[in-house]
N, C-alpha and C. Protein backbone atom coordinates (compact mmCIF):
# COMPACT_ATOMS: atom_id res chain seq x y z
N UNK A 1 107.19 102.76 126.76
CA UNK A 1 107.55 102.73 125.36
C UNK A 1 106.29 102.65 124.50
N UNK A 2 106.30 103.36 123.41
CA UNK A 2 105.16 103.42 122.51
C UNK A 2 104.94 102.09 121.79
N UNK A 3 103.69 101.71 121.68
CA UNK A 3 103.33 100.53 120.90
C UNK A 3 102.99 100.91 119.46
N UNK A 4 102.96 102.20 119.17
CA UNK A 4 102.64 102.66 117.82
C UNK A 4 103.86 102.63 116.92
N UNK A 5 103.62 102.30 115.68
CA UNK A 5 104.64 102.41 114.65
C UNK A 5 104.80 103.89 114.35
N UNK A 6 106.02 104.39 114.40
CA UNK A 6 106.28 105.81 114.18
C UNK A 6 107.26 106.00 113.03
N UNK A 7 107.04 107.06 112.30
CA UNK A 7 107.91 107.43 111.20
C UNK A 7 108.19 108.93 111.30
N UNK A 8 109.39 109.33 110.99
CA UNK A 8 109.68 110.76 111.05
C UNK A 8 109.76 111.34 109.65
N UNK A 9 109.48 112.62 109.56
CA UNK A 9 109.63 113.32 108.30
C UNK A 9 108.34 113.67 107.59
N UNK A 10 107.20 113.41 108.22
CA UNK A 10 105.93 113.73 107.57
C UNK A 10 105.75 115.25 107.49
N UNK A 11 105.16 115.69 106.38
CA UNK A 11 104.91 117.11 106.15
C UNK A 11 103.46 117.28 105.68
N UNK A 12 103.01 118.53 105.64
CA UNK A 12 101.62 118.76 105.22
C UNK A 12 101.39 118.30 103.79
N UNK A 13 102.26 118.65 102.86
CA UNK A 13 102.18 118.18 101.48
C UNK A 13 103.59 117.82 101.02
N UNK A 14 103.77 116.57 100.64
CA UNK A 14 105.08 116.08 100.21
C UNK A 14 105.15 116.11 98.69
N UNK A 15 106.06 116.90 98.12
CA UNK A 15 106.18 116.97 96.66
C UNK A 15 106.52 115.62 96.02
N UNK A 16 107.17 114.73 96.76
CA UNK A 16 107.47 113.40 96.23
C UNK A 16 106.19 112.62 95.94
N UNK A 17 105.17 112.87 96.72
CA UNK A 17 103.90 112.17 96.49
C UNK A 17 103.26 112.63 95.19
N UNK A 18 103.28 113.92 94.94
CA UNK A 18 102.74 114.42 93.67
C UNK A 18 103.54 113.87 92.49
N UNK A 19 104.86 113.77 92.65
CA UNK A 19 105.69 113.19 91.60
C UNK A 19 105.32 111.71 91.38
N UNK A 20 105.06 111.00 92.46
CA UNK A 20 104.66 109.59 92.35
C UNK A 20 103.34 109.47 91.59
N UNK A 21 102.37 110.30 91.95
CA UNK A 21 101.08 110.25 91.27
C UNK A 21 101.19 110.65 89.80
N UNK A 22 102.10 111.54 89.48
CA UNK A 22 102.24 111.98 88.09
C UNK A 22 103.06 111.01 87.25
N UNK A 23 103.65 110.00 87.88
CA UNK A 23 104.43 109.01 87.14
C UNK A 23 105.87 109.41 86.93
N UNK A 24 106.31 110.51 87.56
CA UNK A 24 107.68 110.98 87.38
C UNK A 24 108.67 110.05 88.08
N UNK A 25 108.31 109.54 89.23
CA UNK A 25 109.21 108.69 90.02
C UNK A 25 109.03 107.24 89.59
N UNK A 26 110.11 106.57 89.34
CA UNK A 26 110.08 105.14 89.01
C UNK A 26 110.86 104.39 90.10
N UNK A 27 110.29 103.31 90.55
CA UNK A 27 110.98 102.50 91.54
C UNK A 27 111.97 101.58 90.85
N UNK A 28 113.11 101.38 91.47
CA UNK A 28 114.14 100.54 90.88
C UNK A 28 114.18 99.21 91.62
N UNK A 29 113.20 98.37 91.33
CA UNK A 29 113.21 97.03 91.88
C UNK A 29 112.41 96.12 90.94
N UNK A 30 112.54 94.85 91.16
CA UNK A 30 111.95 93.91 90.23
C UNK A 30 110.51 93.53 90.55
N UNK A 31 109.93 94.13 91.57
CA UNK A 31 108.54 93.82 91.89
C UNK A 31 107.62 94.50 90.87
N UNK A 32 106.34 94.23 90.99
CA UNK A 32 105.40 94.86 90.07
C UNK A 32 104.85 96.17 90.63
N UNK A 33 105.51 96.72 91.64
CA UNK A 33 105.11 98.02 92.16
C UNK A 33 105.56 99.07 91.16
N UNK A 34 104.70 100.03 90.91
CA UNK A 34 105.03 101.03 89.91
C UNK A 34 104.29 102.33 90.19
N UNK A 35 104.92 103.45 90.06
CA UNK A 35 104.16 104.69 89.98
C UNK A 35 103.51 104.73 88.60
N UNK A 36 102.23 104.83 88.51
CA UNK A 36 101.54 104.70 87.24
C UNK A 36 101.78 105.86 86.28
N UNK A 37 101.49 105.60 85.02
CA UNK A 37 101.57 106.62 84.00
C UNK A 37 100.51 107.69 84.27
N UNK A 38 100.74 108.93 83.84
CA UNK A 38 99.80 110.01 84.15
C UNK A 38 98.36 109.74 83.73
N UNK A 39 98.14 109.04 82.63
CA UNK A 39 96.78 108.82 82.16
C UNK A 39 96.15 107.55 82.74
N UNK A 40 96.87 106.83 83.51
CA UNK A 40 96.43 105.51 83.94
C UNK A 40 95.28 105.57 84.93
N UNK A 41 94.30 104.71 84.70
CA UNK A 41 93.12 104.65 85.55
C UNK A 41 93.46 104.28 87.00
N UNK A 42 94.39 103.37 87.19
CA UNK A 42 94.75 102.96 88.55
C UNK A 42 95.40 104.10 89.33
N UNK A 43 96.16 104.95 88.64
CA UNK A 43 96.74 106.12 89.32
C UNK A 43 95.63 107.01 89.85
N UNK A 44 94.60 107.21 89.04
CA UNK A 44 93.47 108.04 89.48
C UNK A 44 92.75 107.40 90.66
N UNK A 45 92.63 106.09 90.64
CA UNK A 45 91.99 105.39 91.76
C UNK A 45 92.82 105.59 93.04
N UNK A 46 94.12 105.39 92.95
CA UNK A 46 94.99 105.58 94.13
C UNK A 46 94.91 107.01 94.64
N UNK A 47 94.96 107.97 93.72
CA UNK A 47 94.89 109.38 94.13
C UNK A 47 93.57 109.69 94.83
N UNK A 48 92.48 109.16 94.30
CA UNK A 48 91.16 109.39 94.91
C UNK A 48 91.16 108.99 96.37
N UNK A 49 91.70 107.80 96.66
CA UNK A 49 91.65 107.32 98.05
C UNK A 49 92.69 108.00 98.92
N UNK A 50 93.81 108.43 98.34
CA UNK A 50 94.77 109.19 99.14
C UNK A 50 94.22 110.57 99.47
N UNK A 51 93.50 111.17 98.52
CA UNK A 51 92.84 112.45 98.80
C UNK A 51 91.83 112.31 99.94
N UNK A 52 91.16 111.17 99.98
CA UNK A 52 90.23 110.92 101.08
C UNK A 52 90.98 110.92 102.41
N UNK A 53 92.15 110.30 102.45
CA UNK A 53 92.97 110.31 103.67
C UNK A 53 93.42 111.72 104.01
N UNK A 54 93.87 112.46 103.01
CA UNK A 54 94.30 113.84 103.25
C UNK A 54 93.18 114.68 103.84
N UNK A 55 91.96 114.41 103.44
CA UNK A 55 90.81 115.20 103.88
C UNK A 55 90.27 114.83 105.24
N UNK A 56 90.87 113.90 105.91
CA UNK A 56 90.35 113.48 107.22
C UNK A 56 90.44 114.57 108.28
N UNK A 57 91.45 115.41 108.21
CA UNK A 57 91.59 116.47 109.21
C UNK A 57 92.80 117.34 108.92
N UNK A 58 92.83 118.49 109.56
CA UNK A 58 93.93 119.43 109.37
C UNK A 58 95.25 118.90 109.92
N UNK A 59 95.19 117.89 110.76
CA UNK A 59 96.40 117.33 111.36
C UNK A 59 97.02 116.21 110.53
N UNK A 60 96.47 115.90 109.36
CA UNK A 60 97.03 114.84 108.52
C UNK A 60 98.32 115.33 107.86
N UNK A 61 99.33 114.50 107.97
CA UNK A 61 100.63 114.74 107.34
C UNK A 61 100.90 113.58 106.41
N UNK A 62 101.91 113.73 105.55
CA UNK A 62 102.17 112.69 104.56
C UNK A 62 103.65 112.63 104.21
N UNK A 63 104.04 111.51 103.64
CA UNK A 63 105.36 111.35 103.07
C UNK A 63 105.45 110.02 102.35
N UNK A 64 106.52 109.85 101.61
CA UNK A 64 106.76 108.59 100.92
C UNK A 64 107.49 107.65 101.88
N UNK A 65 107.00 106.41 101.96
CA UNK A 65 107.66 105.40 102.78
C UNK A 65 107.58 104.08 102.04
N UNK A 66 108.68 103.42 101.89
CA UNK A 66 108.75 102.15 101.15
C UNK A 66 108.13 102.27 99.76
N UNK A 67 108.33 103.41 99.12
CA UNK A 67 107.90 103.59 97.75
C UNK A 67 106.44 103.92 97.53
N UNK A 68 105.71 104.26 98.59
CA UNK A 68 104.30 104.60 98.39
C UNK A 68 103.87 105.74 99.32
N UNK A 69 102.82 106.47 98.93
CA UNK A 69 102.31 107.57 99.74
C UNK A 69 101.68 107.07 101.04
N UNK A 70 102.04 107.72 102.14
CA UNK A 70 101.57 107.35 103.48
C UNK A 70 100.95 108.58 104.14
N UNK A 71 99.80 108.38 104.79
CA UNK A 71 99.13 109.45 105.54
C UNK A 71 99.32 109.18 107.03
N UNK A 72 99.63 110.26 107.78
CA UNK A 72 99.92 110.16 109.21
C UNK A 72 99.14 111.21 109.99
N UNK A 73 99.07 111.00 111.29
CA UNK A 73 98.75 112.04 112.25
C UNK A 73 99.99 112.13 113.12
N UNK A 74 100.55 113.33 113.21
CA UNK A 74 101.86 113.53 113.83
C UNK A 74 102.85 112.62 113.10
N UNK A 75 103.48 111.70 113.83
CA UNK A 75 104.43 110.78 113.19
C UNK A 75 103.91 109.35 113.17
N UNK A 76 102.60 109.19 113.37
CA UNK A 76 101.99 107.86 113.40
C UNK A 76 101.18 107.63 112.12
N UNK A 77 101.62 106.73 111.26
CA UNK A 77 100.90 106.48 110.02
C UNK A 77 99.58 105.74 110.27
N UNK A 78 98.57 106.11 109.49
CA UNK A 78 97.30 105.39 109.59
C UNK A 78 96.89 104.77 108.27
N UNK A 79 97.36 105.27 107.14
CA UNK A 79 96.95 104.70 105.86
C UNK A 79 97.96 104.94 104.77
N UNK A 80 97.81 104.19 103.71
CA UNK A 80 98.69 104.33 102.55
C UNK A 80 97.94 103.87 101.30
N UNK A 81 98.47 104.23 100.15
CA UNK A 81 98.01 103.68 98.89
C UNK A 81 99.22 103.16 98.14
N UNK A 82 99.00 102.15 97.31
CA UNK A 82 100.07 101.65 96.46
C UNK A 82 99.44 101.10 95.19
N UNK A 83 100.09 101.33 94.08
CA UNK A 83 99.59 100.89 92.79
C UNK A 83 100.44 99.75 92.26
N UNK A 84 99.78 98.76 91.74
CA UNK A 84 100.43 97.61 91.14
C UNK A 84 99.98 97.53 89.67
N UNK A 85 100.39 96.52 88.96
CA UNK A 85 100.04 96.43 87.54
C UNK A 85 98.54 96.24 87.31
N UNK A 86 97.86 95.54 88.21
CA UNK A 86 96.46 95.22 87.97
C UNK A 86 95.53 95.66 89.09
N UNK A 87 96.06 96.30 90.13
CA UNK A 87 95.20 96.73 91.23
C UNK A 87 95.86 97.82 92.06
N UNK A 88 95.06 98.39 92.94
CA UNK A 88 95.52 99.38 93.91
C UNK A 88 95.24 98.81 95.29
N UNK A 89 96.18 99.00 96.21
CA UNK A 89 95.93 98.68 97.61
C UNK A 89 95.71 99.97 98.37
N UNK A 90 94.68 99.98 99.19
CA UNK A 90 94.47 101.04 100.17
C UNK A 90 94.68 100.36 101.50
N UNK A 91 95.76 100.73 102.18
CA UNK A 91 96.16 100.00 103.37
C UNK A 91 96.03 100.80 104.65
N UNK A 92 95.99 100.05 105.75
CA UNK A 92 95.81 100.63 107.08
C UNK A 92 96.80 100.00 108.04
N UNK A 93 97.57 100.85 108.72
CA UNK A 93 98.62 100.37 109.61
C UNK A 93 98.07 99.65 110.84
N UNK A 94 96.90 100.03 111.30
CA UNK A 94 96.24 99.33 112.42
C UNK A 94 94.94 98.69 111.92
N UNK A 95 94.96 98.23 110.72
CA UNK A 95 93.76 97.70 110.08
C UNK A 95 93.16 96.49 110.76
N UNK A 96 93.97 95.68 111.43
CA UNK A 96 93.46 94.50 112.11
C UNK A 96 92.52 94.87 113.25
N UNK A 97 92.62 96.10 113.74
CA UNK A 97 91.80 96.55 114.85
C UNK A 97 90.55 97.31 114.39
N UNK A 98 90.36 97.48 113.09
CA UNK A 98 89.22 98.23 112.58
C UNK A 98 88.00 97.33 112.43
N UNK A 99 86.84 97.90 112.69
CA UNK A 99 85.59 97.22 112.43
C UNK A 99 85.37 97.25 110.91
N UNK A 100 85.10 96.10 110.32
CA UNK A 100 84.96 95.98 108.87
C UNK A 100 83.69 95.19 108.54
N UNK A 101 82.52 95.81 108.74
CA UNK A 101 81.27 95.07 108.53
C UNK A 101 81.05 94.59 107.10
N UNK A 102 81.67 95.25 106.12
CA UNK A 102 81.49 94.85 104.72
C UNK A 102 82.53 93.82 104.27
N UNK A 103 83.51 93.51 105.14
CA UNK A 103 84.51 92.50 104.80
C UNK A 103 85.47 92.91 103.69
N UNK A 104 85.83 94.18 103.64
CA UNK A 104 86.74 94.66 102.59
C UNK A 104 88.20 94.34 102.87
N UNK A 105 88.57 94.28 104.13
CA UNK A 105 89.98 94.16 104.50
C UNK A 105 90.54 92.78 104.21
N UNK A 106 91.77 92.78 103.68
CA UNK A 106 92.52 91.55 103.41
C UNK A 106 93.82 91.60 104.19
N UNK A 107 94.40 90.43 104.40
CA UNK A 107 95.68 90.33 105.07
C UNK A 107 95.57 89.54 106.35
N UNK A 108 96.70 89.01 106.78
CA UNK A 108 96.71 88.17 107.97
C UNK A 108 97.79 88.58 108.95
N UNK A 109 98.37 89.77 108.74
CA UNK A 109 99.42 90.24 109.63
C UNK A 109 98.87 90.60 111.00
N UNK A 110 99.77 90.86 111.92
CA UNK A 110 99.39 91.19 113.29
C UNK A 110 98.62 92.51 113.35
N UNK A 111 98.97 93.48 112.51
CA UNK A 111 98.33 94.80 112.57
C UNK A 111 97.80 95.30 111.22
N UNK A 112 98.57 95.17 110.18
CA UNK A 112 98.23 95.81 108.91
C UNK A 112 97.18 95.01 108.12
N UNK A 113 96.33 95.77 107.42
CA UNK A 113 95.35 95.19 106.50
C UNK A 113 95.23 96.14 105.31
N UNK A 114 94.70 95.64 104.21
CA UNK A 114 94.53 96.47 103.02
C UNK A 114 93.24 96.08 102.29
N UNK A 115 92.79 97.00 101.46
CA UNK A 115 91.67 96.76 100.57
C UNK A 115 92.26 96.75 99.16
N UNK A 116 91.96 95.70 98.40
CA UNK A 116 92.47 95.58 97.04
C UNK A 116 91.39 96.05 96.08
N UNK A 117 91.76 96.99 95.20
CA UNK A 117 90.82 97.56 94.23
C UNK A 117 91.36 97.29 92.83
N UNK A 118 90.56 96.65 92.01
CA UNK A 118 90.99 96.32 90.65
C UNK A 118 90.50 97.33 89.62
N UNK A 119 89.65 98.24 89.99
CA UNK A 119 89.15 99.27 89.09
C UNK A 119 88.32 100.27 89.88
N UNK A 120 87.95 101.38 89.28
CA UNK A 120 87.28 102.44 90.03
C UNK A 120 85.94 102.03 90.61
N UNK A 121 85.29 101.06 90.05
CA UNK A 121 83.97 100.66 90.56
C UNK A 121 84.00 99.28 91.20
N UNK A 122 85.18 98.82 91.57
CA UNK A 122 85.33 97.47 92.10
C UNK A 122 85.39 97.44 93.62
N UNK A 123 84.86 98.46 94.27
CA UNK A 123 84.89 98.50 95.73
C UNK A 123 83.64 99.23 96.22
N UNK A 124 83.19 98.88 97.40
CA UNK A 124 82.10 99.60 98.04
C UNK A 124 82.69 100.91 98.57
N UNK A 125 82.48 101.99 97.82
CA UNK A 125 83.11 103.27 98.13
C UNK A 125 82.69 103.80 99.50
N UNK A 126 81.43 103.67 99.86
CA UNK A 126 80.99 104.14 101.17
C UNK A 126 81.69 103.39 102.29
N UNK A 127 81.81 102.08 102.15
CA UNK A 127 82.47 101.27 103.17
C UNK A 127 83.96 101.62 103.27
N UNK A 128 84.61 101.88 102.13
CA UNK A 128 86.02 102.25 102.16
C UNK A 128 86.21 103.63 102.77
N UNK A 129 85.33 104.57 102.46
CA UNK A 129 85.41 105.89 103.11
C UNK A 129 85.26 105.73 104.62
N UNK A 130 84.35 104.86 105.05
CA UNK A 130 84.17 104.62 106.48
C UNK A 130 85.44 104.03 107.12
N UNK A 131 86.09 103.11 106.41
CA UNK A 131 87.33 102.53 106.93
C UNK A 131 88.43 103.58 107.07
N UNK A 132 88.54 104.45 106.07
CA UNK A 132 89.55 105.51 106.14
C UNK A 132 89.28 106.43 107.32
N UNK A 133 88.03 106.84 107.48
CA UNK A 133 87.67 107.69 108.62
C UNK A 133 87.93 106.99 109.95
N UNK A 134 87.62 105.71 110.01
CA UNK A 134 87.83 104.94 111.24
C UNK A 134 89.32 104.80 111.55
N UNK A 135 90.15 104.59 110.52
CA UNK A 135 91.59 104.47 110.72
C UNK A 135 92.17 105.78 111.24
N UNK A 136 91.71 106.88 110.69
CA UNK A 136 92.14 108.20 111.14
C UNK A 136 91.75 108.43 112.60
N UNK A 137 90.50 108.18 112.93
CA UNK A 137 90.05 108.37 114.32
C UNK A 137 90.76 107.41 115.26
N UNK A 138 91.01 106.19 114.80
CA UNK A 138 91.71 105.21 115.63
C UNK A 138 93.12 105.68 115.98
N UNK A 139 93.86 106.20 115.00
CA UNK A 139 95.23 106.63 115.29
C UNK A 139 95.22 107.86 116.20
N UNK A 140 94.25 108.75 116.02
CA UNK A 140 94.15 109.92 116.91
C UNK A 140 93.89 109.47 118.34
N UNK A 141 93.00 108.49 118.52
CA UNK A 141 92.70 107.97 119.85
C UNK A 141 93.95 107.31 120.46
N UNK A 142 94.66 106.54 119.66
CA UNK A 142 95.87 105.88 120.16
C UNK A 142 96.93 106.91 120.57
N UNK A 143 97.07 107.98 119.81
CA UNK A 143 98.02 109.03 120.17
C UNK A 143 97.63 109.71 121.47
N UNK A 144 96.34 109.97 121.65
CA UNK A 144 95.87 110.62 122.90
C UNK A 144 96.08 109.73 124.12
N UNK A 145 95.98 108.42 123.94
CA UNK A 145 96.06 107.52 125.09
C UNK A 145 97.48 107.12 125.44
N UNK A 146 98.46 107.56 124.65
CA UNK A 146 99.84 107.24 124.99
C UNK A 146 100.33 108.09 126.15
N UNK A 147 101.19 107.50 126.97
CA UNK A 147 101.74 108.28 128.10
C UNK A 147 102.65 109.40 127.64
């Protein structure tokens, strides 16, 4: 049995994700999760980091899961972005297993970790790009090693 978290329905480009980034989709819950307004700076921050995930390789797929854009290889998610009222999370499904020399990752769960960004210049961009690349390579390695 697979130890990887799997999701079905990922596609090369999910139109729901573009709608989320454009602010067309609104979540119906009382949390502070929100698809940002089209002009909003945090939306641009989230899009920047999701584009980085999309650019990891030709095998990257995507879809909306739990109200936020998720990047996968095959059906195994490796990263996501989510926008809140005052910050953006760039998250990693196997983040607890990633090397994080700059100490960007937050969270105490068994597997997942995230980087919290409060503005476009509030994060070490090189270190976050490295984490995204590492998460992508990590999920590819995990997929190859499965029986």
